[in-house]
């Protein structure tokens, strides 16, 4: 597998894991011992793994209802579906930029 595709897959894996493990430190403790050696096997730097982790877990924090989003939305009187419709465009742009940065990081 190429390094670029591997970094994209890692970001997707971190995004999915971010749904079930909203704690950033818990997700890092669970996944880094597995993902870092896999990156070594594909011959990409461990800094790419950390970036994929940050991007994947970070953008997922905006939409997972298990984090602080629901409590915050309740305090300001915004429904979750209204929030989701507003933030999804921003998140799609963020995902595209993140994939581009990961690609550059692997290539350079």
PDB file of N, CA and C in Angstrom:
ATOM      1  N   UNK A   1       0.856  -1.172   0.000  1.00  0.00           N
ATOM      2  CA  UNK A   1       0.000   0.000   0.000  1.00  0.00           C
ATOM      3  C   UNK A   1       0.904   1.239   0.000  1.00  0.00           C
ATOM      4  N   UNK A   2       0.518   2.228  -0.759  1.00  0.00           N
ATOM      5  CA  UNK A   2       1.315   3.452  -0.786  1.00  0.00           C
ATOM      6  C   UNK A   2       1.140   4.212   0.523  1.00  0.00           C
ATOM      7  N   UNK A   3       2.116   5.047   0.823  1.00  0.00           N
ATOM      8  CA  UNK A   3       2.078   5.806   2.065  1.00  0.00           C
ATOM      9  C   UNK A   3       0.922   6.783   2.128  1.00  0.00           C
ATOM     10  N   UNK A   4       0.592   7.380   0.979  1.00  0.00           N
ATOM     11  CA  UNK A   4      -0.509   8.342   0.939  1.00  0.00           C
ATOM     12  C   UNK A   4      -1.834   7.653   1.262  1.00  0.00           C
ATOM     13  N   UNK A   5      -2.078   6.532   0.601  1.00  0.00           N
ATOM     14  CA  UNK A   5      -3.324   5.798   0.853  1.00  0.00           C
ATOM     15  C   UNK A   5      -3.364   5.296   2.295  1.00  0.00           C
ATOM     16  N   UNK A   6      -2.231   4.853   2.802  1.00  0.00           N
ATOM     17  CA  UNK A   6      -2.171   4.376   4.179  1.00  0.00           C
ATOM     18  C   UNK A   6      -2.518   5.495   5.157  1.00  0.00           C
ATOM     19  N   UNK A   7      -2.010   6.703   4.915  1.00  0.00           N
ATOM     20  CA  UNK A   7      -2.324   7.814   5.821  1.00  0.00           C
ATOM     21  C   UNK A   7      -3.805   8.167   5.753  1.00  0.00           C
ATOM     22  N   UNK A   8      -4.394   8.076   4.564  1.00  0.00           N
ATOM     23  CA  UNK A   8      -5.831   8.340   4.428  1.00  0.00           C
ATOM     24  C   UNK A   8      -6.645   7.290   5.182  1.00  0.00           C
ATOM     25  N   UNK A   9      -6.233   6.025   5.058  1.00  0.00           N
ATOM     26  CA  UNK A   9      -6.935   4.943   5.759  1.00  0.00           C
ATOM     27  C   UNK A   9      -6.811   5.129   7.267  1.00  0.00           C
ATOM     28  N   UNK A  10      -5.629   5.541   7.701  1.00  0.00           N
ATOM     29  CA  UNK A  10      -5.464   5.794   9.130  1.00  0.00           C
ATOM     30  C   UNK A  10      -6.399   6.894   9.612  1.00  0.00           C
ATOM     31  N   UNK A  11      -6.517   7.951   8.850  1.00  0.00           N
ATOM     32  CA  UNK A  11      -7.425   9.037   9.242  1.00  0.00           C
ATOM     33  C   UNK A  11      -8.861   8.526   9.314  1.00  0.00           C
ATOM     34  N   UNK A  12      -9.250   7.688   8.362  1.00  0.00           N
ATOM     35  CA  UNK A  12     -10.601   7.121   8.384  1.00  0.00           C
ATOM     36  C   UNK A  12     -10.798   6.228   9.605  1.00  0.00           C
ATOM     37  N   UNK A  13      -9.787   5.436   9.934  1.00  0.00           N
ATOM     38  CA  UNK A  13      -9.877   4.557  11.107  1.00  0.00           C
ATOM     39  C   UNK A  13     -10.003   5.387  12.380  1.00  0.00           C
ATOM     40  N   UNK A  14      -9.202   6.436  12.487  1.00  0.00           N
ATOM     41  CA  UNK A  14      -9.291   7.300  13.665  1.00  0.00           C
ATOM     42  C   UNK A  14     -10.639   8.008  13.735  1.00  0.00           C
ATOM     43  N   UNK A  15     -11.205   8.335  12.595  1.00  0.00           N
ATOM     44  CA  UNK A  15     -12.522   8.967  12.585  1.00  0.00           C
ATOM     45  C   UNK A  15     -13.582   8.014  13.126  1.00  0.00           C
ATOM     46  N   UNK A  16     -13.546   6.770  12.681  1.00  0.00           N
ATOM     47  CA  UNK A  16     -14.516   5.781  13.158  1.00  0.00           C
ATOM     48  C   UNK A  16     -14.299   5.491  14.643  1.00  0.00           C
ATOM     49  N   UNK A  17     -13.043   5.334  15.042  1.00  0.00           N
ATOM     50  CA  UNK A  17     -12.775   5.086  16.458  1.00  0.00           C
ATOM     51  C   UNK A  17     -13.179   6.268  17.328  1.00  0.00           C
ATOM     52  N   UNK A  18     -13.116   7.493  16.759  1.00  0.00           N
ATOM     53  CA  UNK A  18     -13.511   8.682  17.509  1.00  0.00           C
ATOM     54  C   UNK A  18     -14.980   8.693  17.883  1.00  0.00           C
ATOM     55  N   UNK A  19     -15.793   7.946  17.144  1.00  0.00           N
ATOM     56  CA  UNK A  19     -17.214   7.827  17.496  1.00  0.00           C
ATOM     57  C   UNK A  19     -17.364   7.044  18.792  1.00  0.00           C
ATOM     58  N   UNK A  20     -16.621   5.960  18.908  1.00  0.00           N
ATOM     59  CA  UNK A  20     -16.763   5.058  20.048  1.00  0.00           C
ATOM     60  C   UNK A  20     -15.896   5.447  21.238  1.00  0.00           C
ATOM     61  N   UNK A  21     -14.784   6.153  20.966  1.00  0.00           N
ATOM     62  CA  UNK A  21     -13.870   6.563  22.030  1.00  0.00           C
ATOM     63  C   UNK A  21     -13.694   8.076  21.928  1.00  0.00           C
ATOM     64  N   UNK A  22     -14.559   8.856  22.552  1.00  0.00           N
ATOM     65  CA  UNK A  22     -14.469  10.310  22.407  1.00  0.00           C
ATOM     66  C   UNK A  22     -13.291  10.932  23.161  1.00  0.00           C
ATOM     67  N   UNK A  23     -12.674  10.195  24.058  1.00  0.00           N
ATOM     68  CA  UNK A  23     -11.528  10.701  24.809  1.00  0.00           C
ATOM     69  C   UNK A  23     -10.285  10.689  23.918  1.00  0.00           C
ATOM     70  N   UNK A  24      -9.670  11.838  23.724  1.00  0.00           N
ATOM     71  CA  UNK A  24      -8.496  11.897  22.847  1.00  0.00           C
ATOM     72  C   UNK A  24      -7.314  11.132  23.439  1.00  0.00           C
ATOM     73  N   UNK A  25      -7.101  11.247  24.728  1.00  0.00           N
ATOM     74  CA  UNK A  25      -5.995  10.510  25.344  1.00  0.00           C
ATOM     75  C   UNK A  25      -6.268   9.014  25.359  1.00  0.00           C
ATOM     76  N   UNK A  26      -7.520   8.630  25.564  1.00  0.00           N
ATOM     77  CA  UNK A  26      -7.865   7.210  25.530  1.00  0.00           C
ATOM     78  C   UNK A  26      -7.687   6.610  24.151  1.00  0.00           C
ATOM     79  N   UNK A  27      -8.066   7.358  23.127  1.00  0.00           N
ATOM     80  CA  UNK A  27      -7.899   6.883  21.755  1.00  0.00           C
ATOM     81  C   UNK A  27      -6.422   6.762  21.399  1.00  0.00           C
ATOM     82  N   UNK A  28      -5.615   7.715  21.839  1.00  0.00           N
ATOM     83  CA  UNK A  28      -4.175   7.648  21.571  1.00  0.00           C
ATOM     84  C   UNK A  28      -3.549   6.454  22.278  1.00  0.00           C
ATOM     85  N   UNK A  29      -3.906   6.242  23.533  1.00  0.00           N
ATOM     86  CA  UNK A  29      -3.337   5.119  24.284  1.00  0.00           C
ATOM     87  C   UNK A  29      -3.746   3.776  23.691  1.00  0.00           C
ATOM     88  N   UNK A  30      -4.951   3.726  23.132  1.00  0.00           N
ATOM     89  CA  UNK A  30      -5.436   2.474  22.556  1.00  0.00           C
ATOM     90  C   UNK A  30      -4.825   2.190  21.190  1.00  0.00           C
ATOM     91  N   UNK A  31      -4.675   3.210  20.367  1.00  0.00           N
ATOM     92  CA  UNK A  31      -4.344   2.951  18.966  1.00  0.00           C
ATOM     93  C   UNK A  31      -2.890   3.175  18.581  1.00  0.00           C
ATOM     94  N   UNK A  32      -2.187   4.049  19.241  1.00  0.00           N
ATOM     95  CA  UNK A  32      -0.815   4.354  18.824  1.00  0.00           C
ATOM     96  C   UNK A  32       0.130   3.152  18.890  1.00  0.00           C
ATOM     97  N   UNK A  33       0.026   2.277  19.893  1.00  0.00           N
ATOM     98  CA  UNK A  33       0.918   1.116  19.873  1.00  0.00           C
ATOM     99  C   UNK A  33       0.687   0.177  18.681  1.00  0.00           C
ATOM    100  N   UNK A  34      -0.461   0.281  18.051  1.00  0.00           N
ATOM    101  CA  UNK A  34      -0.746  -0.555  16.884  1.00  0.00           C
ATOM    102  C   UNK A  34      -0.406   0.186  15.595  1.00  0.00           C
ATOM    103  N   UNK A  35      -0.795   1.453  15.514  1.00  0.00           N
ATOM    104  CA  UNK A  35      -0.650   2.208  14.270  1.00  0.00           C
ATOM    105  C   UNK A  35       0.792   2.616  13.977  1.00  0.00           C
ATOM    106  N   UNK A  36       1.565   2.954  14.993  1.00  0.00           N
ATOM    107  CA  UNK A  36       2.941   3.398  14.748  1.00  0.00           C
ATOM    108  C   UNK A  36       3.798   2.301  14.108  1.00  0.00           C
ATOM    109  N   UNK A  37       3.778   1.062  14.595  1.00  0.00           N
ATOM    110  CA  UNK A  37       4.542   0.017  13.910  1.00  0.00           C
ATOM    111  C   UNK A  37       4.019  -0.294  12.498  1.00  0.00           C
ATOM    112  N   UNK A  38       2.717  -0.139  12.295  1.00  0.00           N
ATOM    113  CA  UNK A  38       2.189  -0.323  10.937  1.00  0.00           C
ATOM    114  C   UNK A  38       2.744   0.739   9.996  1.00  0.00           C
ATOM    115  N   UNK A  39       2.868   1.960  10.485  1.00  0.00           N
ATOM    116  CA  UNK A  39       3.457   3.026   9.665  1.00  0.00           C
ATOM    117  C   UNK A  39       4.917   2.727   9.358  1.00  0.00           C
ATOM    118  N   UNK A  40       5.626   2.157  10.319  1.00  0.00           N
ATOM    119  CA  UNK A  40       7.014   1.761  10.070  1.00  0.00           C
ATOM    120  C   UNK A  40       7.091   0.709   8.972  1.00  0.00           C
ATOM    121  N   UNK A  41       6.132  -0.200   8.962  1.00  0.00           N
ATOM    122  CA  UNK A  41       6.117  -1.252   7.939  1.00  0.00           C
ATOM    123  C   UNK A  41       5.850  -0.687   6.549  1.00  0.00           C
ATOM    124  N   UNK A  42       5.088   0.398   6.461  1.00  0.00           N
ATOM    125  CA  UNK A  42       4.778   1.025   5.176  1.00  0.00           C
ATOM    126  C   UNK A  42       5.843   2.069   4.829  1.00  0.00           C
ATOM    127  N   UNK A  43       6.744   2.311   5.757  1.00  0.00           N
ATOM    128  CA  UNK A  43       7.868   3.220   5.561  1.00  0.00           C
ATOM    129  C   UNK A  43       7.432   4.691   5.497  1.00  0.00           C
ATOM    130  N   UNK A  44       6.529   5.063   6.391  1.00  0.00           N
ATOM    131  CA  UNK A  44       6.193   6.475   6.547  1.00  0.00           C
ATOM    132  C   UNK A  44       6.526   6.876   7.984  1.00  0.00           C
ATOM    133  N   UNK A  45       6.731   8.169   8.186  1.00  0.00           N
ATOM    134  CA  UNK A  45       7.130   8.658   9.500  1.00  0.00           C
ATOM    135  C   UNK A  45       6.007   8.588  10.521  1.00  0.00           C
ATOM    136  N   UNK A  46       6.423   8.531  11.750  1.00  0.00           N
ATOM    137  CA  UNK A  46       5.432   8.488  12.827  1.00  0.00           C
ATOM    138  C   UNK A  46       4.723   9.825  12.999  1.00  0.00           C
ATOM    139  N   UNK A  47       5.318  10.882  12.477  1.00  0.00           N
ATOM    140  CA  UNK A  47       4.645  12.172  12.517  1.00  0.00           C
ATOM    141  C   UNK A  47       3.390  12.161  11.660  1.00  0.00           C
ATOM    142  N   UNK A  48       3.382  11.359  10.608  1.00  0.00           N
ATOM    143  CA  UNK A  48       2.190  11.224   9.767  1.00  0.00           C
ATOM    144  C   UNK A  48       1.078  10.528  10.551  1.00  0.00           C
ATOM    145  N   UNK A  49       1.455   9.556  11.366  1.00  0.00           N
ATOM    146  CA  UNK A  49       0.469   8.856  12.194  1.00  0.00           C
ATOM    147  C   UNK A  49      -0.177   9.826  13.179  1.00  0.00           C
ATOM    148  N   UNK A  50       0.634  10.672  13.780  1.00  0.00           N
ATOM    149  CA  UNK A  50       0.106  11.644  14.739  1.00  0.00           C
ATOM    150  C   UNK A  50      -0.808  12.645  14.033  1.00  0.00           C
ATOM    151  N   UNK A  51      -0.424  13.076  12.839  1.00  0.00           N
ATOM    152  CA  UNK A  51      -1.277  14.001  12.090  1.00  0.00           C
ATOM    153  C   UNK A  51      -2.597  13.342  11.697  1.00  0.00           C
ATOM    154  N   UNK A  52      -2.547  12.098  11.226  1.00  0.00           N
ATOM    155  CA  UNK A  52      -3.775  11.384  10.869  1.00  0.00           C
ATOM    156  C   UNK A  52      -4.669  11.222  12.092  1.00  0.00           C
ATOM    157  N   UNK A  53      -4.064  10.956  13.234  1.00  0.00           N
ATOM    158  CA  UNK A  53      -4.813  10.847  14.482  1.00  0.00           C
ATOM    159  C   UNK A  53      -5.499  12.175  14.821  1.00  0.00           C
ATOM    160  N   UNK A  54      -4.734  13.256  14.753  1.00  0.00           N
ATOM    161  CA  UNK A  54      -5.298  14.573  15.089  1.00  0.00           C
ATOM    162  C   UNK A  54      -6.423  14.966  14.159  1.00  0.00           C
ATOM    163  N   UNK A  55      -6.243  14.750  12.867  1.00  0.00           N
ATOM    164  CA  UNK A  55      -7.282  15.122  11.910  1.00  0.00           C
ATOM    165  C   UNK A  55      -8.511  14.231  12.059  1.00  0.00           C
ATOM    166  N   UNK A  56      -8.310  12.938  12.140  1.00  0.00           N
ATOM    167  CA  UNK A  56      -9.443  12.008  12.217  1.00  0.00           C
ATOM    168  C   UNK A  56     -10.248  12.156  13.488  1.00  0.00           C
ATOM    169  N   UNK A  57      -9.554  12.240  14.613  1.00  0.00           N
ATOM    170  CA  UNK A  57     -10.257  12.363  15.889  1.00  0.00           C
ATOM    171  C   UNK A  57     -10.769  13.776  16.091  1.00  0.00           C
ATOM    172  N   UNK A  58     -10.051  14.741  15.570  1.00  0.00           N
ATOM    173  CA  UNK A  58     -10.420  16.133  15.785  1.00  0.00           C
ATOM    174  C   UNK A  58     -11.703  16.540  15.106  1.00  0.00           C
ATOM    175  N   UNK A  59     -11.852  16.185  13.831  1.00  0.00           N
ATOM    176  CA  UNK A  59     -13.073  16.620  13.142  1.00  0.00           C
ATOM    177  C   UNK A  59     -14.278  15.823  13.622  1.00  0.00           C
ATOM    178  N   UNK A  60     -14.039  14.622  14.069  1.00  0.00           N
ATOM    179  CA  UNK A  60     -15.156  13.812  14.557  1.00  0.00           C
ATOM    180  C   UNK A  60     -15.721  14.371  15.862  1.00  0.00           C
ATOM    181  N   UNK A  61     -14.904  15.111  16.606  1.00  0.00           N
ATOM    182  CA  UNK A  61     -15.378  15.698  17.860  1.00  0.00           C
ATOM    183  C   UNK A  61     -16.474  16.735  17.628  1.00  0.00           C
ATOM    184  N   UNK A  62     -16.565  17.259  16.406  1.00  0.00           N
ATOM    185  CA  UNK A  62     -17.603  18.243  16.108  1.00  0.00           C
ATOM    186  C   UNK A  62     -18.989  17.627  15.927  1.00  0.00           C
ATOM    187  N   UNK A  63     -19.057  16.333  15.617  1.00  0.00           N
ATOM    188  CA  UNK A  63     -20.359  15.754  15.304  1.00  0.00           C
ATOM    189  C   UNK A  63     -20.763  14.573  16.176  1.00  0.00           C
ATOM    190  N   UNK A  64     -19.844  14.043  16.979  1.00  0.00           N
ATOM    191  CA  UNK A  64     -20.230  12.910  17.811  1.00  0.00           C
ATOM    192  C   UNK A  64     -21.113  13.377  18.968  1.00  0.00           C
ATOM    193  N   UNK A  65     -22.260  12.783  19.104  1.00  0.00           N
ATOM    194  CA  UNK A  65     -23.150  13.198  20.192  1.00  0.00           C
ATOM    195  C   UNK A  65     -22.717  12.686  21.560  1.00  0.00           C
ATOM    196  N   UNK A  66     -21.620  11.918  21.629  1.00  0.00           N
ATOM    197  CA  UNK A  66     -21.176  11.396  22.922  1.00  0.00           C
ATOM    198  C   UNK A  66     -20.291  12.372  23.670  1.00  0.00           C
ATOM    199  N   UNK A  67     -19.796  13.393  23.001  1.00  0.00           N
ATOM    200  CA  UNK A  67     -18.921  14.364  23.648  1.00  0.00           C
ATOM    201  C   UNK A  67     -19.712  15.502  24.267  1.00  0.00           C
ATOM    202  N   UNK A  68     -19.131  16.657  24.269  1.00  0.00           N
ATOM    203  CA  UNK A  68     -19.755  17.828  24.872  1.00  0.00           C
ATOM    204  C   UNK A  68     -20.694  18.560  23.929  1.00  0.00           C
ATOM    205  N   UNK A  69     -20.825  18.080  22.705  1.00  0.00           N
ATOM    206  CA  UNK A  69     -21.640  18.777  21.715  1.00  0.00           C
ATOM    207  C   UNK A  69     -23.100  18.871  22.154  1.00  0.00           C
ATOM    208  N   UNK A  70     -23.673  17.781  22.589  1.00  0.00           N
ATOM    209  CA  UNK A  70     -25.094  17.782  22.965  1.00  0.00           C
ATOM    210  C   UNK A  70     -25.352  18.731  24.138  1.00  0.00           C
ATOM    211  N   UNK A  71     -24.502  18.694  25.146  1.00  0.00           N
ATOM    212  CA  UNK A  71     -24.691  19.584  26.306  1.00  0.00           C
ATOM    213  C   UNK A  71     -24.541  21.045  25.903  1.00  0.00           C
ATOM    214  N   UNK A  72     -23.572  21.326  25.054  1.00  0.00           N
ATOM    215  CA  UNK A  72     -23.359  22.706  24.609  1.00  0.00           C
ATOM    216  C   UNK A  72     -24.517  23.199  23.761  1.00  0.00           C
ATOM    217  N   UNK A  73     -24.985  22.358  22.859  1.00  0.00           N
ATOM    218  CA  UNK A  73     -26.121  22.744  22.019  1.00  0.00           C
ATOM    219  C   UNK A  73     -27.382  22.964  22.852  1.00  0.00           C
ATOM    220  N   UNK A  74     -27.555  22.166  23.879  1.00  0.00           N
ATOM    221  CA  UNK A  74     -28.713  22.333  24.760  1.00  0.00           C
ATOM    222  C   UNK A  74     -28.648  23.659  25.512  1.00  0.00           C
ATOM    223  N   UNK A  75     -27.453  24.039  25.924  1.00  0.00           N
ATOM    224  CA  UNK A  75     -27.310  25.305  26.659  1.00  0.00           C
ATOM    225  C   UNK A  75     -27.626  26.516  25.786  1.00  0.00           C
ATOM    226  N   UNK A  76     -27.314  26.437  24.510  1.00  0.00           N
ATOM    227  CA  UNK A  76     -27.563  27.597  23.649  1.00  0.00           C
ATOM    228  C   UNK A  76     -28.860  27.486  22.863  1.00  0.00           C
ATOM    229  N   UNK A  77     -29.568  26.370  23.019  1.00  0.00           N
ATOM    230  CA  UNK A  77     -30.886  26.218  22.410  1.00  0.00           C
ATOM    231  C   UNK A  77     -30.876  25.881  20.927  1.00  0.00           C
ATOM    232  N   UNK A  78     -29.861  25.172  20.464  1.00  0.00           N
ATOM    233  CA  UNK A  78     -29.778  24.753  19.066  1.00  0.00           C
ATOM    234  C   UNK A  78     -29.974  23.245  19.014  1.00  0.00           C
ATOM    235  N   UNK A  79     -30.806  22.775  18.095  1.00  0.00           N
ATOM    236  CA  UNK A  79     -31.018  21.338  17.968  1.00  0.00           C
ATOM    237  C   UNK A  79     -29.831  20.699  17.257  1.00  0.00           C
ATOM    238  N   UNK A  80     -29.651  19.410  17.486  1.00  0.00           N
ATOM    239  CA  UNK A  80     -28.517  18.699  16.895  1.00  0.00           C
ATOM    240  C   UNK A  80     -28.615  18.655  15.376  1.00  0.00           C
ATOM    241  N   UNK A  81     -29.815  18.440  14.840  1.00  0.00           N
ATOM    242  CA  UNK A  81     -29.935  18.369  13.377  1.00  0.00           C
ATOM    243  C   UNK A  81     -29.623  19.723  12.725  1.00  0.00           C
ATOM    244  N   UNK A  82     -30.001  20.811  13.379  1.00  0.00           N
ATOM    245  CA  UNK A  82     -29.668  22.138  12.856  1.00  0.00           C
ATOM    246  C   UNK A  82     -28.152  22.355  12.897  1.00  0.00           C
ATOM    247  N   UNK A  83     -27.513  21.942  13.978  1.00  0.00           N
ATOM    248  CA  UNK A  83     -26.056  22.033  14.105  1.00  0.00           C
ATOM    249  C   UNK A  83     -25.370  21.199  13.031  1.00  0.00           C
ATOM    250  N   UNK A  84     -25.850  19.981  12.840  1.00  0.00           N
ATOM    251  CA  UNK A  84     -25.234  19.076  11.876  1.00  0.00           C
ATOM    252  C   UNK A  84     -25.315  19.645  10.461  1.00  0.00           C
ATOM    253  N   UNK A  85     -26.475  20.185  10.100  1.00  0.00           N
ATOM    254  CA  UNK A  85     -26.630  20.768   8.760  1.00  0.00           C
ATOM    255  C   UNK A  85     -25.689  21.948   8.562  1.00  0.00           C
ATOM    256  N   UNK A  86     -25.450  22.711   9.602  1.00  0.00           N
ATOM    257  CA  UNK A  86     -24.570  23.863   9.480  1.00  0.00           C
ATOM    258  C   UNK A  86     -23.099  23.458   9.418  1.00  0.00           C
ATOM    259  N   UNK A  87     -22.702  22.490  10.238  1.00  0.00           N
ATOM    260  CA  UNK A  87     -21.285  22.172  10.376  1.00  0.00           C
ATOM    261  C   UNK A  87     -20.786  21.179   9.325  1.00  0.00           C
ATOM    262  N   UNK A  88     -21.659  20.451   8.642  1.00  0.00           N
ATOM    263  CA  UNK A  88     -21.205  19.407   7.727  1.00  0.00           C
ATOM    264  C   UNK A  88     -20.425  19.989   6.545  1.00  0.00           C
ATOM    265  N   UNK A  89     -20.804  21.145   6.048  1.00  0.00           N
ATOM    266  CA  UNK A  89     -20.064  21.753   4.935  1.00  0.00           C
ATOM    267  C   UNK A  89     -18.644  22.120   5.364  1.00  0.00           C
ATOM    268  N   UNK A  90     -18.533  22.674   6.555  1.00  0.00           N
ATOM    269  CA  UNK A  90     -17.222  23.012   7.084  1.00  0.00           C
ATOM    270  C   UNK A  90     -16.378  21.750   7.303  1.00  0.00           C
ATOM    271  N   UNK A  91     -17.005  20.698   7.784  1.00  0.00           N
ATOM    272  CA  UNK A  91     -16.278  19.458   8.023  1.00  0.00           C
ATOM    273  C   UNK A  91     -15.807  18.807   6.728  1.00  0.00           C
ATOM    274  N   UNK A  92     -16.623  18.852   5.687  1.00  0.00           N
ATOM    275  CA  UNK A  92     -16.197  18.291   4.404  1.00  0.00           C
ATOM    276  C   UNK A  92     -14.993  19.053   3.856  1.00  0.00           C
ATOM    277  N   UNK A  93     -14.991  20.353   3.984  1.00  0.00           N
ATOM    278  CA  UNK A  93     -13.843  21.145   3.565  1.00  0.00           C
ATOM    279  C   UNK A  93     -12.616  20.801   4.409  1.00  0.00           C
ATOM    280  N   UNK A  94     -12.810  20.629   5.691  1.00  0.00           N
ATOM    281  CA  UNK A  94     -11.716  20.268   6.585  1.00  0.00           C
ATOM    282  C   UNK A  94     -11.142  18.904   6.236  1.00  0.00           C
ATOM    283  N   UNK A  95     -12.004  17.958   5.888  1.00  0.00           N
ATOM    284  CA  UNK A  95     -11.532  16.622   5.513  1.00  0.00           C
ATOM    285  C   UNK A  95     -10.688  16.691   4.243  1.00  0.00           C
ATOM    286  N   UNK A  96     -11.135  17.450   3.261  1.00  0.00           N
ATOM    287  CA  UNK A  96     -10.389  17.574   2.007  1.00  0.00           C
ATOM    288  C   UNK A  96      -9.019  18.202   2.259  1.00  0.00           C
ATOM    289  N   UNK A  97      -8.984  19.257   3.047  1.00  0.00           N
ATOM    290  CA  UNK A  97      -7.706  19.897   3.369  1.00  0.00           C
ATOM    291  C   UNK A  97      -6.807  18.956   4.159  1.00  0.00           C
ATOM    292  N   UNK A  98      -7.385  18.213   5.092  1.00  0.00           N
ATOM    293  CA  UNK A  98      -6.608  17.262   5.894  1.00  0.00           C
ATOM    294  C   UNK A  98      -5.993  16.171   5.027  1.00  0.00           C
ATOM    295  N   UNK A  99      -6.754  15.651   4.082  1.00  0.00           N
ATOM    296  CA  UNK A  99      -6.214  14.622   3.185  1.00  0.00           C
ATOM    297  C   UNK A  99      -5.083  15.191   2.330  1.00  0.00           C
ATOM    298  N   UNK A 100      -5.228  16.432   1.898  1.00  0.00           N
ATOM    299  CA  UNK A 100      -4.165  17.064   1.132  1.00  0.00           C
ATOM    300  C   UNK A 100      -2.902  17.259   1.943  1.00  0.00           C
ATOM    301  N   UNK A 101      -3.060  17.710   3.176  1.00  0.00           N
ATOM    302  CA  UNK A 101      -1.897  17.916   4.042  1.00  0.00           C
ATOM    303  C   UNK A 101      -1.224  16.580   4.366  1.00  0.00           C
ATOM    304  N   UNK A 102      -2.009  15.550   4.619  1.00  0.00           N
ATOM    305  CA  UNK A 102      -1.427  14.227   4.869  1.00  0.00           C
ATOM    306  C   UNK A 102      -0.646  13.745   3.651  1.00  0.00           C
ATOM    307  N   UNK A 103      -1.189  13.967   2.467  1.00  0.00           N
ATOM    308  CA  UNK A 103      -0.502  13.560   1.243  1.00  0.00           C
ATOM    309  C   UNK A 103       0.833  14.287   1.109  1.00  0.00           C
ATOM    310  N   UNK A 104       0.823  15.587   1.340  1.00  0.00           N
ATOM    311  CA  UNK A 104       2.067  16.359   1.277  1.00  0.00           C
ATOM    312  C   UNK A 104       3.068  15.903   2.320  1.00  0.00           C
ATOM    313  N   UNK A 105       2.576  15.584   3.490  1.00  0.00           N
ATOM    314  CA  UNK A 105       3.448  15.142   4.568  1.00  0.00           C
ATOM    315  C   UNK A 105       4.138  13.824   4.226  1.00  0.00           C
ATOM    316  N   UNK A 106       3.425  12.933   3.553  1.00  0.00           N
ATOM    317  CA  UNK A 106       4.011  11.649   3.169  1.00  0.00           C
ATOM    318  C   UNK A 106       5.011  11.847   2.026  1.00  0.00           C
ATOM    319  N   UNK A 107       4.631  12.674   1.054  1.00  0.00           N
ATOM    320  CA  UNK A 107       5.481  12.870  -0.119  1.00  0.00           C
ATOM    321  C   UNK A 107       6.764  13.611   0.241  1.00  0.00           C
ATOM    322  N   UNK A 108       6.642  14.628   1.090  1.00  0.00           N
ATOM    323  CA  UNK A 108       7.817  15.409   1.468  1.00  0.00           C
ATOM    324  C   UNK A 108       8.464  14.784   2.665  1.00  0.00           C
TER     325      UNK A 108
END
